């Protein structure tokens, strides 16, 4: 494998940006699988 590009979201337990999917009153973020948590892009 030379290069891997992927997307993901934390669902169990839900992260703050995905909590709206479970009915929590957090702001809706439809791009919750595209956030960057540091590192190199």
C-alpha atoms as a PDB file:
ATOM      1  CA  UNK A   1       0.000   0.000   0.000  1.00  0.00           C
ATOM      2  CA  UNK A   2       1.487   3.308  -1.069  1.00  0.00           C
ATOM      3  CA  UNK A   3      -1.190   5.742   0.131  1.00  0.00           C
ATOM      4  CA  UNK A   4      -4.495   5.541   1.983  1.00  0.00           C
ATOM      5  CA  UNK A   5      -7.156   8.280   2.116  1.00  0.00           C
ATOM      6  CA  UNK A   6     -10.133   7.778   4.402  1.00  0.00           C
ATOM      7  CA  UNK A   7     -12.903   9.465   6.386  1.00  0.00           C
ATOM      8  CA  UNK A   8     -14.472   8.469   9.672  1.00  0.00           C
ATOM      9  CA  UNK A   9     -16.448   9.610  12.660  1.00  0.00           C
ATOM     10  CA  UNK A  10     -16.556   8.529  16.296  1.00  0.00           C
ATOM     11  CA  UNK A  11     -20.011   7.060  16.954  1.00  0.00           C
ATOM     12  CA  UNK A  12     -19.602   4.945  20.116  1.00  0.00           C
ATOM     13  CA  UNK A  13     -19.343   6.996  22.210  1.00  0.00           C
ATOM     14  CA  UNK A  14     -20.421   9.829  19.907  1.00  0.00           C
ATOM     15  CA  UNK A  15     -18.027  12.733  19.580  1.00  0.00           C
ATOM     16  CA  UNK A  16     -19.285  16.277  20.191  1.00  0.00           C
ATOM     17  CA  UNK A  17     -19.626  16.961  16.465  1.00  0.00           C
ATOM     18  CA  UNK A  18     -21.694  13.755  15.926  1.00  0.00           C
ATOM     19  CA  UNK A  19     -23.952  13.954  19.004  1.00  0.00           C
ATOM     20  CA  UNK A  20     -26.739  15.626  16.996  1.00  0.00           C
ATOM     21  CA  UNK A  21     -27.200  12.314  15.148  1.00  0.00           C
ATOM     22  CA  UNK A  22     -28.356  10.786  18.457  1.00  0.00           C
ATOM     23  CA  UNK A  23     -30.803  13.558  19.349  1.00  0.00           C
ATOM     24  CA  UNK A  24     -28.548  15.719  21.514  1.00  0.00           C
ATOM     25  CA  UNK A  25     -29.078  19.492  21.132  1.00  0.00           C
ATOM     26  CA  UNK A  26     -25.626  20.071  19.629  1.00  0.00           C
ATOM     27  CA  UNK A  27     -25.217  22.133  16.451  1.00  0.00           C
ATOM     28  CA  UNK A  28     -25.723  20.060  13.299  1.00  0.00           C
ATOM     29  CA  UNK A  29     -22.497  19.314  11.445  1.00  0.00           C
ATOM     30  CA  UNK A  30     -23.087  17.360   8.235  1.00  0.00           C
ATOM     31  CA  UNK A  31     -19.317  17.209   7.659  1.00  0.00           C
ATOM     32  CA  UNK A  32     -18.620  15.417  10.930  1.00  0.00           C
ATOM     33  CA  UNK A  33     -16.563  12.810   9.079  1.00  0.00           C
ATOM     34  CA  UNK A  34     -14.163  15.391   7.594  1.00  0.00           C
ATOM     35  CA  UNK A  35     -12.663  17.083  10.655  1.00  0.00           C
ATOM     36  CA  UNK A  36      -8.923  17.321  11.179  1.00  0.00           C
ATOM     37  CA  UNK A  37      -7.429  16.588  14.595  1.00  0.00           C
ATOM     38  CA  UNK A  38      -3.878  17.634  13.833  1.00  0.00           C
ATOM     39  CA  UNK A  39      -1.034  15.951  12.084  1.00  0.00           C
ATOM     40  CA  UNK A  40      -0.064  16.449   8.476  1.00  0.00           C
ATOM     41  CA  UNK A  41      -2.500  16.980   5.628  1.00  0.00           C
END
